Protein backbone atom coordinates (compact mmCIF):
# COMPACT_ATOMS: atom_id res chain seq x y z
CA UNK A 1 0.00 0.00 0.00
CA UNK A 2 1.26 3.47 -0.91
CA UNK A 3 -0.22 6.41 0.99
CA UNK A 4 0.12 10.11 0.32
CA UNK A 5 -1.07 12.78 2.74
CA UNK A 6 -1.28 16.32 1.44
CA UNK A 7 -1.73 19.38 3.64
CA UNK A 8 -3.22 22.36 1.85
CA UNK A 9 -3.69 25.90 3.14
CA UNK A 10 -6.28 27.74 1.05
CA UNK A 11 -6.96 31.46 0.79
CA UNK A 12 -10.14 32.15 2.80
CA UNK A 13 -12.00 33.59 -0.18
CA UNK A 14 -11.17 30.50 -2.26
CA UNK A 15 -12.46 27.79 0.11
CA UNK A 16 -15.69 27.04 -1.77
CA UNK A 17 -14.01 26.76 -5.18
CA UNK A 18 -11.20 24.65 -3.69
CA UNK A 19 -13.72 22.25 -2.16
CA UNK A 20 -15.65 21.93 -5.42
CA UNK A 21 -12.52 21.21 -7.47
CA UNK A 22 -11.13 18.83 -4.87
CA UNK A 23 -14.33 16.82 -4.55
CA UNK A 24 -14.43 16.43 -8.33
CA UNK A 25 -10.85 15.15 -8.26
CA UNK A 26 -11.57 12.82 -5.33
CA UNK A 27 -14.68 11.29 -6.93
CA UNK A 28 -12.82 10.63 -10.17
CA UNK A 29 -9.75 9.30 -8.36
CA UNK A 30 -11.85 6.74 -6.52
CA UNK A 31 -12.73 5.27 -9.93
CA UNK A 32 -9.07 4.62 -10.78
CA UNK A 33 -8.12 0.91 -10.66
CA UNK A 34 -5.19 1.41 -8.28
CA UNK A 35 -6.89 3.80 -5.86
CA UNK A 36 -7.88 2.32 -2.52
CA UNK A 37 -9.01 5.50 -0.78
CA UNK A 38 -9.22 9.25 -1.25
CA UNK A 39 -10.44 11.30 1.69
CA UNK A 40 -10.89 15.06 1.80
CA UNK A 41 -10.76 16.51 5.30
CA UNK A 42 -11.23 20.09 6.49
CA UNK A 43 -9.56 21.11 9.75
CA UNK A 44 -11.98 21.77 12.57
CA UNK A 45 -11.63 25.35 13.74
CA UNK A 46 -9.44 26.27 10.76
CA UNK A 47 -11.66 25.98 7.66
CA UNK A 48 -8.95 27.09 5.24
CA UNK A 49 -6.73 24.10 6.07
CA UNK A 50 -7.28 20.71 4.43
CA UNK A 51 -5.82 17.23 4.48
CA UNK A 52 -6.07 14.99 1.44
CA UNK A 53 -5.49 11.35 2.37
CA UNK A 54 -4.84 9.13 -0.62
CA UNK A 55 -4.08 5.40 -0.68
CA UNK A 56 -2.98 3.45 -3.74
CA UNK A 57 -2.10 -0.17 -4.28
CA UNK A 58 1.38 0.82 -5.49
CA UNK A 59 3.57 3.88 -5.98
CA UNK A 60 3.12 3.36 -9.72
CA UNK A 61 -0.66 3.73 -9.29
CA UNK A 62 -0.06 7.10 -7.63
CA UNK A 63 2.23 8.14 -10.50
CA UNK A 64 -0.50 7.15 -12.98
CA UNK A 65 -3.01 9.21 -10.98
CA UNK A 66 -0.85 12.29 -11.44
CA UNK A 67 -1.24 11.94 -15.21
CA UNK A 68 -5.04 11.70 -15.28
CA UNK A 69 -7.16 14.47 -16.79
CA UNK A 70 -9.04 15.01 -13.52
CA UNK A 71 -5.83 15.44 -11.49
CA UNK A 72 -4.31 17.81 -14.05
CA UNK A 73 -7.59 19.79 -14.10
CA UNK A 74 -7.60 19.94 -10.28
CA UNK A 75 -3.98 21.08 -10.16
CA UNK A 76 -4.71 23.93 -12.54
CA UNK A 77 -7.99 24.97 -10.88
CA UNK A 78 -6.60 25.17 -7.34
CA UNK A 79 -3.22 26.73 -8.11
CA UNK A 80 -4.41 30.27 -7.33
CA UNK A 81 -6.43 29.12 -4.30
CA UNK A 82 -3.41 28.03 -2.31
CA UNK A 83 -2.19 30.37 0.42
CA UNK A 84 1.13 28.50 0.39
CA UNK A 85 2.55 25.53 -1.52
CA UNK A 86 0.88 22.24 -0.63
CA UNK A 87 2.90 19.77 1.39
CA UNK A 88 2.75 16.14 0.31
CA UNK A 89 4.22 13.34 2.39
CA UNK A 90 4.52 9.84 0.99
CA UNK A 91 4.13 6.83 3.27
CA UNK A 92 4.65 3.09 3.18
CA UNK A 93 1.75 1.36 4.86
CA UNK A 94 2.46 -0.91 7.81
CA UNK A 95 -1.17 -1.55 8.78
CA UNK A 96 -4.09 -0.53 6.58
CA UNK A 97 -7.79 -1.22 7.01
CA UNK A 98 -8.58 -4.64 8.42
CA UNK A 99 -5.33 -6.40 7.64
CA UNK A 100 -1.58 -5.93 7.77
CA UNK A 101 0.12 -4.82 4.57
PDB file of N, CA and C in Angstrom:
ATOM      1  N   UNK A   1       0.838  -1.174   0.000  1.00  0.00           N
ATOM      2  CA  UNK A   1       0.000   0.000   0.000  1.00  0.00           C
ATOM      3  C   UNK A   1       0.887   1.242   0.000  1.00  0.00           C
ATOM      4  N   UNK A   2       0.518   2.223  -0.779  1.00  0.00           N
ATOM      5  CA  UNK A   2       1.264   3.468  -0.905  1.00  0.00           C
ATOM      6  C   UNK A   2       0.320   4.600  -0.543  1.00  0.00           C
ATOM      7  N   UNK A   3       0.663   5.369   0.472  1.00  0.00           N
ATOM      8  CA  UNK A   3      -0.222   6.412   0.986  1.00  0.00           C
ATOM      9  C   UNK A   3       0.444   7.771   0.841  1.00  0.00           C
ATOM     10  N   UNK A   4      -0.346   8.744   0.428  1.00  0.00           N
ATOM     11  CA  UNK A   4       0.121  10.113   0.318  1.00  0.00           C
ATOM     12  C   UNK A   4      -0.828  10.990   1.124  1.00  0.00           C
ATOM     13  N   UNK A   5      -0.255  11.795   2.015  1.00  0.00           N
ATOM     14  CA  UNK A   5      -1.070  12.779   2.736  1.00  0.00           C
ATOM     15  C   UNK A   5      -0.615  14.156   2.281  1.00  0.00           C
ATOM     16  N   UNK A   6      -1.582  15.001   1.979  1.00  0.00           N
ATOM     17  CA  UNK A   6      -1.279  16.322   1.440  1.00  0.00           C
ATOM     18  C   UNK A   6      -1.962  17.366   2.311  1.00  0.00           C
ATOM     19  N   UNK A   7      -1.176  18.279   2.859  1.00  0.00           N
ATOM     20  CA  UNK A   7      -1.726  19.383   3.639  1.00  0.00           C
ATOM     21  C   UNK A   7      -1.806  20.596   2.723  1.00  0.00           C
ATOM     22  N   UNK A   8      -2.985  21.214   2.718  1.00  0.00           N
ATOM     23  CA  UNK A   8      -3.220  22.359   1.848  1.00  0.00           C
ATOM     24  C   UNK A   8      -3.786  23.512   2.672  1.00  0.00           C
ATOM     25  N   UNK A   9      -3.177  24.674   2.545  1.00  0.00           N
ATOM     26  CA  UNK A   9      -3.689  25.903   3.141  1.00  0.00           C
ATOM     27  C   UNK A   9      -4.274  26.729   1.997  1.00  0.00           C
ATOM     28  N   UNK A  10      -5.548  27.056   2.124  1.00  0.00           N
ATOM     29  CA  UNK A  10      -6.281  27.739   1.053  1.00  0.00           C
ATOM     30  C   UNK A  10      -6.585  29.179   1.480  1.00  0.00           C
ATOM     31  N   UNK A  11      -6.556  30.068   0.522  1.00  0.00           N
ATOM     32  CA  UNK A  11      -6.957  31.456   0.790  1.00  0.00           C
ATOM     33  C   UNK A  11      -8.422  31.448   1.232  1.00  0.00           C
ATOM     34  N   UNK A  12      -8.763  32.196   2.280  1.00  0.00           N
ATOM     35  CA  UNK A  12     -10.137  32.151   2.801  1.00  0.00           C
ATOM     36  C   UNK A  12     -11.226  32.411   1.759  1.00  0.00           C
ATOM     37  N   UNK A  13     -10.978  33.299   0.822  1.00  0.00           N
ATOM     38  CA  UNK A  13     -11.999  33.593  -0.179  1.00  0.00           C
ATOM     39  C   UNK A  13     -12.067  32.545  -1.295  1.00  0.00           C
ATOM     40  N   UNK A  14     -11.210  31.540  -1.231  1.00  0.00           N
ATOM     41  CA  UNK A  14     -11.166  30.497  -2.258  1.00  0.00           C
ATOM     42  C   UNK A  14     -11.631  29.129  -1.738  1.00  0.00           C
ATOM     43  N   UNK A  15     -12.105  29.075  -0.501  1.00  0.00           N
ATOM     44  CA  UNK A  15     -12.463  27.795   0.111  1.00  0.00           C
ATOM     45  C   UNK A  15     -13.528  27.052  -0.698  1.00  0.00           C
ATOM     46  N   UNK A  16     -14.595  27.719  -1.059  1.00  0.00           N
ATOM     47  CA  UNK A  16     -15.693  27.043  -1.772  1.00  0.00           C
ATOM     48  C   UNK A  16     -15.228  26.486  -3.116  1.00  0.00           C
ATOM     49  N   UNK A  17     -14.467  27.255  -3.871  1.00  0.00           N
ATOM     50  CA  UNK A  17     -14.008  26.762  -5.176  1.00  0.00           C
ATOM     51  C   UNK A  17     -12.987  25.645  -5.010  1.00  0.00           C
ATOM     52  N   UNK A  18     -12.146  25.727  -3.962  1.00  0.00           N
ATOM     53  CA  UNK A  18     -11.198  24.646  -3.688  1.00  0.00           C
ATOM     54  C   UNK A  18     -11.938  23.357  -3.361  1.00  0.00           C
ATOM     55  N   UNK A  19     -12.945  23.450  -2.527  1.00  0.00           N
ATOM     56  CA  UNK A  19     -13.717  22.252  -2.158  1.00  0.00           C
ATOM     57  C   UNK A  19     -14.368  21.643  -3.392  1.00  0.00           C
ATOM     58  N   UNK A  20     -14.986  22.448  -4.227  1.00  0.00           N
ATOM     59  CA  UNK A  20     -15.654  21.925  -5.424  1.00  0.00           C
ATOM     60  C   UNK A  20     -14.665  21.209  -6.336  1.00  0.00           C
ATOM     61  N   UNK A  21     -13.526  21.821  -6.594  1.00  0.00           N
ATOM     62  CA  UNK A  21     -12.522  21.208  -7.470  1.00  0.00           C
ATOM     63  C   UNK A  21     -11.943  19.943  -6.846  1.00  0.00           C
ATOM     64  N   UNK A  22     -11.735  19.971  -5.551  1.00  0.00           N
ATOM     65  CA  UNK A  22     -11.133  18.831  -4.871  1.00  0.00           C
ATOM     66  C   UNK A  22     -12.083  17.652  -4.799  1.00  0.00           C
ATOM     67  N   UNK A  23     -13.361  17.912  -4.568  1.00  0.00           N
ATOM     68  CA  UNK A  23     -14.332  16.816  -4.549  1.00  0.00           C
ATOM     69  C   UNK A  23     -14.476  16.179  -5.929  1.00  0.00           C
ATOM     70  N   UNK A  24     -14.403  16.985  -6.982  1.00  0.00           N
ATOM     71  CA  UNK A  24     -14.426  16.433  -8.333  1.00  0.00           C
ATOM     72  C   UNK A  24     -13.219  15.515  -8.548  1.00  0.00           C
ATOM     73  N   UNK A  25     -12.058  15.968  -8.131  1.00  0.00           N
ATOM     74  CA  UNK A  25     -10.853  15.148  -8.257  1.00  0.00           C
ATOM     75  C   UNK A  25     -10.981  13.869  -7.437  1.00  0.00           C
ATOM     76  N   UNK A  26     -11.451  13.982  -6.211  1.00  0.00           N
ATOM     77  CA  UNK A  26     -11.574  12.818  -5.331  1.00  0.00           C
ATOM     78  C   UNK A  26     -12.545  11.781  -5.902  1.00  0.00           C
ATOM     79  N   UNK A  27     -13.691  12.232  -6.368  1.00  0.00           N
ATOM     80  CA  UNK A  27     -14.682  11.294  -6.926  1.00  0.00           C
ATOM     81  C   UNK A  27     -14.123  10.553  -8.141  1.00  0.00           C
ATOM     82  N   UNK A  28     -13.419  11.269  -8.989  1.00  0.00           N
ATOM     83  CA  UNK A  28     -12.821  10.629 -10.165  1.00  0.00           C
ATOM     84  C   UNK A  28     -11.665   9.719  -9.787  1.00  0.00           C
ATOM     85  N   UNK A  29     -10.873  10.126  -8.799  1.00  0.00           N
ATOM     86  CA  UNK A  29      -9.748   9.302  -8.364  1.00  0.00           C
ATOM     87  C   UNK A  29     -10.233   7.975  -7.806  1.00  0.00           C
ATOM     88  N   UNK A  30     -11.331   7.986  -7.087  1.00  0.00           N
ATOM     89  CA  UNK A  30     -11.855   6.736  -6.520  1.00  0.00           C
ATOM     90  C   UNK A  30     -12.263   5.733  -7.592  1.00  0.00           C
ATOM     91  N   UNK A  31     -12.395   6.174  -8.817  1.00  0.00           N
ATOM     92  CA  UNK A  31     -12.726   5.274  -9.929  1.00  0.00           C
ATOM     93  C   UNK A  31     -11.478   4.660 -10.569  1.00  0.00           C
ATOM     94  N   UNK A  32     -10.309   5.148 -10.213  1.00  0.00           N
ATOM     95  CA  UNK A  32      -9.066   4.619 -10.776  1.00  0.00           C
ATOM     96  C   UNK A  32      -8.812   3.213 -10.244  1.00  0.00           C
ATOM     97  N   UNK A  33      -8.343   2.303 -11.090  1.00  0.00           N
ATOM     98  CA  UNK A  33      -8.123   0.913 -10.662  1.00  0.00           C
ATOM     99  C   UNK A  33      -7.192   0.764  -9.459  1.00  0.00           C
ATOM    100  N   UNK A  34      -6.156   1.572  -9.358  1.00  0.00           N
ATOM    101  CA  UNK A  34      -5.189   1.415  -8.278  1.00  0.00           C
ATOM    102  C   UNK A  34      -5.494   2.203  -7.020  1.00  0.00           C
ATOM    103  N   UNK A  35      -6.570   2.994  -7.035  1.00  0.00           N
ATOM    104  CA  UNK A  35      -6.891   3.799  -5.863  1.00  0.00           C
ATOM    105  C   UNK A  35      -7.672   2.984  -4.841  1.00  0.00           C
ATOM    106  N   UNK A  36      -7.226   3.026  -3.607  1.00  0.00           N
ATOM    107  CA  UNK A  36      -7.884   2.318  -2.519  1.00  0.00           C
ATOM    108  C   UNK A  36      -8.722   3.262  -1.655  1.00  0.00           C
ATOM    109  N   UNK A  37      -8.330   4.546  -1.649  1.00  0.00           N
ATOM    110  CA  UNK A  37      -9.007   5.503  -0.778  1.00  0.00           C
ATOM    111  C   UNK A  37      -8.591   6.913  -1.183  1.00  0.00           C
ATOM    112  N   UNK A  38      -9.525   7.836  -1.071  1.00  0.00           N
ATOM    113  CA  UNK A  38      -9.223   9.252  -1.254  1.00  0.00           C
ATOM    114  C   UNK A  38     -10.175  10.024  -0.351  1.00  0.00           C
ATOM    115  N   UNK A  39      -9.634  10.545   0.738  1.00  0.00           N
ATOM    116  CA  UNK A  39     -10.444  11.298   1.691  1.00  0.00           C
ATOM    117  C   UNK A  39     -10.076  12.769   1.623  1.00  0.00           C
ATOM    118  N   UNK A  40     -11.084  13.619   1.765  1.00  0.00           N
ATOM    119  CA  UNK A  40     -10.888  15.062   1.802  1.00  0.00           C
ATOM    120  C   UNK A  40     -11.360  15.526   3.173  1.00  0.00           C
ATOM    121  N   UNK A  41     -10.440  16.085   3.944  1.00  0.00           N
ATOM    122  CA  UNK A  41     -10.762  16.510   5.304  1.00  0.00           C
ATOM    123  C   UNK A  41     -10.484  17.997   5.473  1.00  0.00           C
ATOM    124  N   UNK A  42     -11.373  18.661   6.206  1.00  0.00           N
ATOM    125  CA  UNK A  42     -11.226  20.086   6.494  1.00  0.00           C
ATOM    126  C   UNK A  42     -10.958  20.221   7.995  1.00  0.00           C
ATOM    127  N   UNK A  43      -9.958  20.981   8.357  1.00  0.00           N
ATOM    128  CA  UNK A  43      -9.559  21.110   9.750  1.00  0.00           C
ATOM    129  C   UNK A  43     -10.635  21.811  10.571  1.00  0.00           C
ATOM    130  N   UNK A  44     -11.003  21.186  11.668  1.00  0.00           N
ATOM    131  CA  UNK A  44     -11.977  21.771  12.571  1.00  0.00           C
ATOM    132  C   UNK A  44     -11.376  23.024  13.205  1.00  0.00           C
ATOM    133  N   UNK A  45     -12.107  24.102  13.153  1.00  0.00           N
ATOM    134  CA  UNK A  45     -11.632  25.351  13.740  1.00  0.00           C
ATOM    135  C   UNK A  45     -10.699  26.147  12.845  1.00  0.00           C
ATOM    136  N   UNK A  46     -10.313  25.583  11.726  1.00  0.00           N
ATOM    137  CA  UNK A  46      -9.440  26.274  10.765  1.00  0.00           C
ATOM    138  C   UNK A  46      -9.898  25.886   9.352  1.00  0.00           C
ATOM    139  N   UNK A  47     -11.023  26.440   8.899  1.00  0.00           N
ATOM    140  CA  UNK A  47     -11.658  25.984   7.659  1.00  0.00           C
ATOM    141  C   UNK A  47     -10.845  26.171   6.384  1.00  0.00           C
ATOM    142  N   UNK A  48      -9.761  26.907   6.446  1.00  0.00           N
ATOM    143  CA  UNK A  48      -8.947  27.094   5.238  1.00  0.00           C
ATOM    144  C   UNK A  48      -7.806  26.080   5.155  1.00  0.00           C
ATOM    145  N   UNK A  49      -7.780  25.120   6.067  1.00  0.00           N
ATOM    146  CA  UNK A  49      -6.734  24.102   6.065  1.00  0.00           C
ATOM    147  C   UNK A  49      -7.365  22.738   5.785  1.00  0.00           C
ATOM    148  N   UNK A  50      -6.749  21.992   4.873  1.00  0.00           N
ATOM    149  CA  UNK A  50      -7.284  20.708   4.429  1.00  0.00           C
ATOM    150  C   UNK A  50      -6.213  19.629   4.478  1.00  0.00           C
ATOM    151  N   UNK A  51      -6.685  18.403   4.597  1.00  0.00           N
ATOM    152  CA  UNK A  51      -5.823  17.233   4.483  1.00  0.00           C
ATOM    153  C   UNK A  51      -6.440  16.321   3.431  1.00  0.00           C
ATOM    154  N   UNK A  52      -5.658  15.971   2.431  1.00  0.00           N
ATOM    155  CA  UNK A  52      -6.069  14.991   1.437  1.00  0.00           C
ATOM    156  C   UNK A  52      -5.332  13.709   1.777  1.00  0.00           C
ATOM    157  N   UNK A  53      -6.080  12.641   1.994  1.00  0.00           N
ATOM    158  CA  UNK A  53      -5.490  11.353   2.371  1.00  0.00           C
ATOM    159  C   UNK A  53      -5.766  10.390   1.234  1.00  0.00           C
ATOM    160  N   UNK A  54      -4.705   9.960   0.562  1.00  0.00           N
ATOM    161  CA  UNK A  54      -4.838   9.126  -0.625  1.00  0.00           C
ATOM    162  C   UNK A  54      -4.095   7.813  -0.422  1.00  0.00           C
ATOM    163  N   UNK A  55      -4.735   6.713  -0.769  1.00  0.00           N
ATOM    164  CA  UNK A  55      -4.081   5.403  -0.677  1.00  0.00           C
ATOM    165  C   UNK A  55      -4.190   4.701  -2.025  1.00  0.00           C
ATOM    166  N   UNK A  56      -3.076   4.144  -2.462  1.00  0.00           N
ATOM    167  CA  UNK A  56      -2.979   3.455  -3.737  1.00  0.00           C
ATOM    168  C   UNK A  56      -2.377   2.073  -3.511  1.00  0.00           C
ATOM    169  N   UNK A  57      -2.664   1.171  -4.398  1.00  0.00           N
ATOM    170  CA  UNK A  57      -2.103  -0.174  -4.280  1.00  0.00           C
ATOM    171  C   UNK A  57      -0.576  -0.131  -4.392  1.00  0.00           C
ATOM    172  N   UNK A  58      -0.065   0.714  -5.285  1.00  0.00           N
ATOM    173  CA  UNK A  58       1.379   0.817  -5.491  1.00  0.00           C
ATOM    174  C   UNK A  58       1.778   2.270  -5.755  1.00  0.00           C
ATOM    175  N   UNK A  59       3.056   2.554  -5.639  1.00  0.00           N
ATOM    176  CA  UNK A  59       3.575   3.882  -5.976  1.00  0.00           C
ATOM    177  C   UNK A  59       3.328   4.195  -7.451  1.00  0.00           C
ATOM    178  N   UNK A  60       3.389   3.172  -8.297  1.00  0.00           N
ATOM    179  CA  UNK A  60       3.119   3.363  -9.717  1.00  0.00           C
ATOM    180  C   UNK A  60       1.677   3.812  -9.957  1.00  0.00           C
ATOM    181  N   UNK A  61       0.740   3.292  -9.162  1.00  0.00           N
ATOM    182  CA  UNK A  61      -0.660   3.732  -9.289  1.00  0.00           C
ATOM    183  C   UNK A  61      -0.799   5.208  -8.955  1.00  0.00           C
ATOM    184  N   UNK A  62      -0.050   5.667  -7.962  1.00  0.00           N
ATOM    185  CA  UNK A  62      -0.061   7.097  -7.633  1.00  0.00           C
ATOM    186  C   UNK A  62       0.521   7.913  -8.784  1.00  0.00           C
ATOM    187  N   UNK A  63       1.616   7.444  -9.367  1.00  0.00           N
ATOM    188  CA  UNK A  63       2.226   8.138 -10.503  1.00  0.00           C
ATOM    189  C   UNK A  63       1.248   8.222 -11.675  1.00  0.00           C
ATOM    190  N   UNK A  64       0.514   7.144 -11.914  1.00  0.00           N
ATOM    191  CA  UNK A  64      -0.502   7.152 -12.978  1.00  0.00           C
ATOM    192  C   UNK A  64      -1.596   8.163 -12.668  1.00  0.00           C
ATOM    193  N   UNK A  65      -1.987   8.239 -11.399  1.00  0.00           N
ATOM    194  CA  UNK A  65      -3.008   9.208 -10.983  1.00  0.00           C
ATOM    195  C   UNK A  65      -2.597  10.624 -11.355  1.00  0.00           C
ATOM    196  N   UNK A  66      -1.322  10.937 -11.167  1.00  0.00           N
ATOM    197  CA  UNK A  66      -0.847  12.292 -11.439  1.00  0.00           C
ATOM    198  C   UNK A  66      -0.832  12.647 -12.928  1.00  0.00           C
ATOM    199  N   UNK A  67      -1.160  11.694 -13.775  1.00  0.00           N
ATOM    200  CA  UNK A  67      -1.237  11.943 -15.214  1.00  0.00           C
ATOM    201  C   UNK A  67      -2.674  11.976 -15.733  1.00  0.00           C
ATOM    202  N   UNK A  68      -3.641  11.768 -14.849  1.00  0.00           N
ATOM    203  CA  UNK A  68      -5.041  11.702 -15.281  1.00  0.00           C
ATOM    204  C   UNK A  68      -5.586  13.091 -15.593  1.00  0.00           C
ATOM    205  N   UNK A  69      -6.553  13.160 -16.484  1.00  0.00           N
ATOM    206  CA  UNK A  69      -7.161  14.468 -16.791  1.00  0.00           C
ATOM    207  C   UNK A  69      -7.773  15.149 -15.565  1.00  0.00           C
ATOM    208  N   UNK A  70      -8.415  14.374 -14.682  1.00  0.00           N
ATOM    209  CA  UNK A  70      -9.042  15.011 -13.516  1.00  0.00           C
ATOM    210  C   UNK A  70      -8.009  15.571 -12.537  1.00  0.00           C
ATOM    211  N   UNK A  71      -6.878  14.900 -12.359  1.00  0.00           N
ATOM    212  CA  UNK A  71      -5.833  15.444 -11.490  1.00  0.00           C
ATOM    213  C   UNK A  71      -5.222  16.704 -12.108  1.00  0.00           C
ATOM    214  N   UNK A  72      -4.904  16.654 -13.389  1.00  0.00           N
ATOM    215  CA  UNK A  72      -4.309  17.814 -14.052  1.00  0.00           C
ATOM    216  C   UNK A  72      -5.276  18.998 -14.039  1.00  0.00           C
ATOM    217  N   UNK A  73      -6.576  18.737 -14.188  1.00  0.00           N
ATOM    218  CA  UNK A  73      -7.592  19.792 -14.104  1.00  0.00           C
ATOM    219  C   UNK A  73      -7.609  20.381 -12.688  1.00  0.00           C
ATOM    220  N   UNK A  74      -7.600  19.498 -11.667  1.00  0.00           N
ATOM    221  CA  UNK A  74      -7.603  19.945 -10.278  1.00  0.00           C
ATOM    222  C   UNK A  74      -6.384  20.826 -10.000  1.00  0.00           C
ATOM    223  N   UNK A  75      -5.219  20.350 -10.411  1.00  0.00           N
ATOM    224  CA  UNK A  75      -3.975  21.075 -10.161  1.00  0.00           C
ATOM    225  C   UNK A  75      -4.036  22.494 -10.723  1.00  0.00           C
ATOM    226  N   UNK A  76      -4.594  22.625 -11.911  1.00  0.00           N
ATOM    227  CA  UNK A  76      -4.711  23.934 -12.545  1.00  0.00           C
ATOM    228  C   UNK A  76      -5.760  24.799 -11.836  1.00  0.00           C
ATOM    229  N   UNK A  77      -6.906  24.200 -11.501  1.00  0.00           N
ATOM    230  CA  UNK A  77      -7.991  24.970 -10.882  1.00  0.00           C
ATOM    231  C   UNK A  77      -7.636  25.507  -9.502  1.00  0.00           C
ATOM    232  N   UNK A  78      -6.868  24.755  -8.726  1.00  0.00           N
ATOM    233  CA  UNK A  78      -6.604  25.166  -7.345  1.00  0.00           C
ATOM    234  C   UNK A  78      -5.296  25.936  -7.177  1.00  0.00           C
ATOM    235  N   UNK A  79      -4.526  26.081  -8.212  1.00  0.00           N
ATOM    236  CA  UNK A  79      -3.216  26.732  -8.106  1.00  0.00           C
ATOM    237  C   UNK A  79      -3.317  28.117  -7.458  1.00  0.00           C
ATOM    238  N   UNK A  80      -4.265  28.908  -7.864  1.00  0.00           N
ATOM    239  CA  UNK A  80      -4.412  30.267  -7.333  1.00  0.00           C
ATOM    240  C   UNK A  80      -5.099  30.290  -5.972  1.00  0.00           C
ATOM    241  N   UNK A  81      -5.720  29.184  -5.577  1.00  0.00           N
ATOM    242  CA  UNK A  81      -6.431  29.125  -4.298  1.00  0.00           C
ATOM    243  C   UNK A  81      -5.496  28.885  -3.119  1.00  0.00           C
ATOM    244  N   UNK A  82      -4.315  28.413  -3.382  1.00  0.00           N
ATOM    245  CA  UNK A  82      -3.412  28.029  -2.311  1.00  0.00           C
ATOM    246  C   UNK A  82      -2.752  29.251  -1.662  1.00  0.00           C
ATOM    247  N   UNK A  83      -2.823  29.293  -0.337  1.00  0.00           N
ATOM    248  CA  UNK A  83      -2.189  30.371   0.415  1.00  0.00           C
ATOM    249  C   UNK A  83      -0.690  30.140   0.530  1.00  0.00           C
ATOM    250  N   UNK A  84      -0.283  28.886   0.390  1.00  0.00           N
ATOM    251  CA  UNK A  84       1.130  28.500   0.386  1.00  0.00           C
ATOM    252  C   UNK A  84       1.236  27.181  -0.353  1.00  0.00           C
ATOM    253  N   UNK A  85       2.424  26.796  -0.781  1.00  0.00           N
ATOM    254  CA  UNK A  85       2.552  25.527  -1.516  1.00  0.00           C
ATOM    255  C   UNK A  85       2.044  24.341  -0.684  1.00  0.00           C
ATOM    256  N   UNK A  86       1.377  23.424  -1.346  1.00  0.00           N
ATOM    257  CA  UNK A  86       0.875  22.240  -0.630  1.00  0.00           C
ATOM    258  C   UNK A  86       2.054  21.365  -0.211  1.00  0.00           C
ATOM    259  N   UNK A  87       1.843  20.615   0.857  1.00  0.00           N
ATOM    260  CA  UNK A  87       2.898  19.767   1.393  1.00  0.00           C
ATOM    261  C   UNK A  87       2.446  18.318   1.316  1.00  0.00           C
ATOM    262  N   UNK A  88       3.082  17.545   0.467  1.00  0.00           N
ATOM    263  CA  UNK A  88       2.753  16.135   0.313  1.00  0.00           C
ATOM    264  C   UNK A  88       3.797  15.263   0.983  1.00  0.00           C
ATOM    265  N   UNK A  89       3.327  14.286   1.735  1.00  0.00           N
ATOM    266  CA  UNK A  89       4.217  13.342   2.391  1.00  0.00           C
ATOM    267  C   UNK A  89       3.817  11.945   1.953  1.00  0.00           C
ATOM    268  N   UNK A  90       4.784  11.191   1.473  1.00  0.00           N
ATOM    269  CA  UNK A  90       4.524   9.836   0.987  1.00  0.00           C
ATOM    270  C   UNK A  90       4.842   8.838   2.094  1.00  0.00           C
ATOM    271  N   UNK A  91       4.004   7.799   2.189  1.00  0.00           N
ATOM    272  CA  UNK A  91       4.129   6.834   3.271  1.00  0.00           C
ATOM    273  C   UNK A  91       4.090   5.406   2.726  1.00  0.00           C
ATOM    274  N   UNK A  92       4.764   4.527   3.433  1.00  0.00           N
ATOM    275  CA  UNK A  92       4.652   3.088   3.175  1.00  0.00           C
ATOM    276  C   UNK A  92       3.764   2.540   4.279  1.00  0.00           C
ATOM    277  N   UNK A  93       2.725   1.844   3.901  1.00  0.00           N
ATOM    278  CA  UNK A  93       1.745   1.360   4.863  1.00  0.00           C
ATOM    279  C   UNK A  93       2.281   0.162   5.644  1.00  0.00           C
ATOM    280  N   UNK A  94       2.128   0.216   6.956  1.00  0.00           N
ATOM    281  CA  UNK A  94       2.461  -0.909   7.809  1.00  0.00           C
ATOM    282  C   UNK A  94       1.202  -1.673   8.255  1.00  0.00           C
ATOM    283  N   UNK A  95       0.103  -0.940   8.388  1.00  0.00           N
ATOM    284  CA  UNK A  95      -1.171  -1.546   8.778  1.00  0.00           C
ATOM    285  C   UNK A  95      -2.263  -0.700   8.163  1.00  0.00           C
ATOM    286  N   UNK A  96      -3.076  -1.284   7.319  1.00  0.00           N
ATOM    287  CA  UNK A  96      -4.086  -0.527   6.581  1.00  0.00           C
ATOM    288  C   UNK A  96      -5.409  -1.267   6.629  1.00  0.00           C
ATOM    289  N   UNK A  97      -6.465  -0.599   7.000  1.00  0.00           N
ATOM    290  CA  UNK A  97      -7.788  -1.216   7.011  1.00  0.00           C
ATOM    291  C   UNK A  97      -7.871  -2.354   8.006  1.00  0.00           C
ATOM    292  N   UNK A  98      -8.343  -3.499   7.552  1.00  0.00           N
ATOM    293  CA  UNK A  98      -8.581  -4.635   8.423  1.00  0.00           C
ATOM    294  C   UNK A  98      -7.439  -5.629   8.472  1.00  0.00           C
ATOM    295  N   UNK A  99      -6.396  -5.407   7.707  1.00  0.00           N
ATOM    296  CA  UNK A  99      -5.327  -6.403   7.639  1.00  0.00           C
ATOM    297  C   UNK A  99      -3.963  -5.728   7.520  1.00  0.00           C
ATOM    298  N   UNK A 100      -2.935  -6.452   7.905  1.00  0.00           N
ATOM    299  CA  UNK A 100      -1.581  -5.926   7.771  1.00  0.00           C
ATOM    300  C   UNK A 100      -1.176  -5.908   6.306  1.00  0.00           C
ATOM    301  N   UNK A 101      -0.361  -4.942   5.950  1.00  0.00           N
ATOM    302  CA  UNK A 101       0.116  -4.816   4.574  1.00  0.00           C
ATOM    303  C   UNK A 101       1.254  -5.793   4.336  1.00  0.00           C
TER     304      UNK A 101
END
